[in-house]
Amino acid sequence: MAICEHLSQADDPAAKTPEGCEECLAVGGRWVHLRRCLECGHIGCCDSSPAKHATQHYHETGHPVIQSYERGEDWRWCFVDSAMG
């Protein structure tokens, strides 16, 4: 199975807010799990979280690939191709 182009070209930027979801921290929100954008380092909350900021970030920026920002997890997800890597 071939990996999608976005996953194969994803970068590894530093997390902008390593302590949690950028938007949730700003408004006192809460999250379930965290995701890091592999284009700009944005940290957003997952789709199981009330605000779904990681997906919102994709829709606002078009940055295609996120990675789990949970300890012990290293999977990546491409929004464009609905592919996991």
C-alpha atoms as a PDB file:
ATOM      1  CA  MET A   1       0.000   0.000   0.000  1.00  0.00           C
ATOM      2  CA  ALA A   2       1.508   3.319  -1.088  1.00  0.00           C
ATOM      3  CA  ILE A   3       1.679   6.235   1.315  1.00  0.00           C
ATOM      4  CA  CYS A   4      -0.043   9.415   0.116  1.00  0.00           C
ATOM      5  CA  GLU A   5       2.067  12.287  -1.159  1.00  0.00           C
ATOM      6  CA  HIS A   6       1.115  14.548   1.773  1.00  0.00           C
ATOM      7  CA  LEU A   7       2.189  11.992   4.373  1.00  0.00           C
ATOM      8  CA  SER A   8       5.473  11.264   2.596  1.00  0.00           C
ATOM      9  CA  GLN A   9       6.316  14.982   2.380  1.00  0.00           C
ATOM     10  CA  ALA A  10       5.170  15.988   5.881  1.00  0.00           C
ATOM     11  CA  ASP A  11       7.592  18.072   7.932  1.00  0.00           C
ATOM     12  CA  ASP A  12       8.344  17.859  11.683  1.00  0.00           C
ATOM     13  CA  PRO A  13       7.864  21.371  13.107  1.00  0.00           C
ATOM     14  CA  ALA A  14       8.153  22.169  16.795  1.00  0.00           C
ATOM     15  CA  ALA A  15       4.868  22.410  18.706  1.00  0.00           C
ATOM     16  CA  LYS A  16       3.650  26.011  19.033  1.00  0.00           C
ATOM     17  CA  THR A  17       1.901  25.338  22.362  1.00  0.00           C
ATOM     18  CA  PRO A  18       3.404  22.165  23.851  1.00  0.00           C
ATOM     19  CA  GLU A  19       1.204  22.486  26.938  1.00  0.00           C
ATOM     20  CA  GLY A  20      -2.069  21.937  25.049  1.00  0.00           C
ATOM     21  CA  CYS A  21      -4.594  23.015  22.426  1.00  0.00           C
ATOM     22  CA  GLU A  22      -3.839  26.589  21.414  1.00  0.00           C
ATOM     23  CA  GLU A  23      -7.462  27.699  21.103  1.00  0.00           C
ATOM     24  CA  CYS A  24      -8.715  25.819  24.189  1.00  0.00           C
ATOM     25  CA  LEU A  25      -5.941  27.339  26.303  1.00  0.00           C
ATOM     26  CA  ALA A  26      -6.939  30.822  25.085  1.00  0.00           C
ATOM     27  CA  VAL A  27     -10.600  30.437  26.089  1.00  0.00           C
ATOM     28  CA  GLY A  28     -10.397  28.016  29.012  1.00  0.00           C
ATOM     29  CA  GLY A  29     -11.741  25.093  26.974  1.00  0.00           C
ATOM     30  CA  ARG A  30     -10.995  21.407  27.447  1.00  0.00           C
ATOM     31  CA  TRP A  31      -9.754  18.647  25.204  1.00  0.00           C
ATOM     32  CA  VAL A  32      -9.635  14.858  25.056  1.00  0.00           C
ATOM     33  CA  HIS A  33      -6.537  14.274  22.882  1.00  0.00           C
ATOM     34  CA  LEU A  34      -4.118  16.550  21.052  1.00  0.00           C
ATOM     35  CA  ARG A  35      -2.945  16.693  17.432  1.00  0.00           C
ATOM     36  CA  ARG A  36       0.051  18.559  15.942  1.00  0.00           C
ATOM     37  CA  CYS A  37      -0.069  20.085  12.468  1.00  0.00           C
ATOM     38  CA  LEU A  38       2.966  18.845  10.541  1.00  0.00           C
ATOM     39  CA  GLU A  39       3.133  21.997   8.444  1.00  0.00           C
ATOM     40  CA  CYS A  40       3.183  24.719  11.102  1.00  0.00           C
ATOM     41  CA  GLY A  41       3.274  23.040  14.540  1.00  0.00           C
ATOM     42  CA  HIS A  42      -0.218  24.144  15.603  1.00  0.00           C
ATOM     43  CA  ILE A  43      -1.533  22.052  18.497  1.00  0.00           C
ATOM     44  CA  GLY A  44      -5.266  21.425  18.308  1.00  0.00           C
ATOM     45  CA  CYS A  45      -7.738  19.152  20.036  1.00  0.00           C
ATOM     46  CA  CYS A  46      -9.075  15.976  18.407  1.00  0.00           C
ATOM     47  CA  ASP A  47     -12.544  15.331  16.993  1.00  0.00           C
ATOM     48  CA  SER A  48     -13.588  13.655  20.264  1.00  0.00           C
ATOM     49  CA  SER A  49     -13.027  17.014  21.986  1.00  0.00           C
ATOM     50  CA  PRO A  50     -15.889  19.541  22.167  1.00  0.00           C
ATOM     51  CA  ALA A  51     -14.309  22.131  19.836  1.00  0.00           C
ATOM     52  CA  LYS A  52     -12.424  19.898  17.332  1.00  0.00           C
ATOM     53  CA  HIS A  53      -9.716  22.527  16.816  1.00  0.00           C
ATOM     54  CA  ALA A  54      -7.305  20.277  14.853  1.00  0.00           C
ATOM     55  CA  THR A  55      -9.904  19.707  12.118  1.00  0.00           C
ATOM     56  CA  GLN A  56     -10.922  23.373  12.262  1.00  0.00           C
ATOM     57  CA  HIS A  57      -7.263  24.313  11.708  1.00  0.00           C
ATOM     58  CA  TYR A  58      -7.173  22.123   8.583  1.00  0.00           C
ATOM     59  CA  HIS A  59     -10.333  23.759   7.179  1.00  0.00           C
ATOM     60  CA  GLU A  60      -8.969  27.250   7.862  1.00  0.00           C
ATOM     61  CA  THR A  61      -5.421  26.697   6.565  1.00  0.00           C
ATOM     62  CA  GLY A  62      -5.491  23.705   4.221  1.00  0.00           C
ATOM     63  CA  HIS A  63      -2.541  22.157   6.092  1.00  0.00           C
ATOM     64  CA  PRO A  64      -3.139  18.500   5.218  1.00  0.00           C
ATOM     65  CA  VAL A  65      -1.319  16.353   7.794  1.00  0.00           C
ATOM     66  CA  ILE A  66      -1.606  16.029  11.564  1.00  0.00           C
ATOM     67  CA  GLN A  67       0.173  13.742  13.980  1.00  0.00           C
ATOM     68  CA  SER A  68      -1.002  12.490  17.343  1.00  0.00           C
ATOM     69  CA  TYR A  69       0.487  14.643  20.091  1.00  0.00           C
ATOM     70  CA  GLU A  70      -0.127  11.985  22.722  1.00  0.00           C
ATOM     71  CA  ARG A  71       2.706  10.252  24.558  1.00  0.00           C
ATOM     72  CA  GLY A  72       3.492   6.868  23.020  1.00  0.00           C
ATOM     73  CA  GLU A  73       1.597   7.532  19.762  1.00  0.00           C
ATOM     74  CA  ASP A  74       3.250   8.438  16.470  1.00  0.00           C
ATOM     75  CA  TRP A  75       0.534   7.932  13.844  1.00  0.00           C
ATOM     76  CA  ARG A  76      -0.190  10.609  11.244  1.00  0.00           C
ATOM     77  CA  TRP A  77      -3.401  11.463   9.352  1.00  0.00           C
ATOM     78  CA  CYS A  78      -3.879  13.163   5.990  1.00  0.00           C
ATOM     79  CA  PHE A  79      -7.168  15.081   5.789  1.00  0.00           C
ATOM     80  CA  VAL A  80      -6.971  15.402   1.994  1.00  0.00           C
ATOM     81  CA  ASP A  81      -6.595  11.699   1.214  1.00  0.00           C
ATOM     82  CA  SER A  82      -8.219  10.298   4.391  1.00  0.00           C
ATOM     83  CA  ALA A  83      -5.055   8.258   4.827  1.00  0.00           C
ATOM     84  CA  MET A  84      -3.192   7.172   7.930  1.00  0.00           C
ATOM     85  CA  GLY A  85       0.539   6.794   8.056  1.00  0.00           C
END
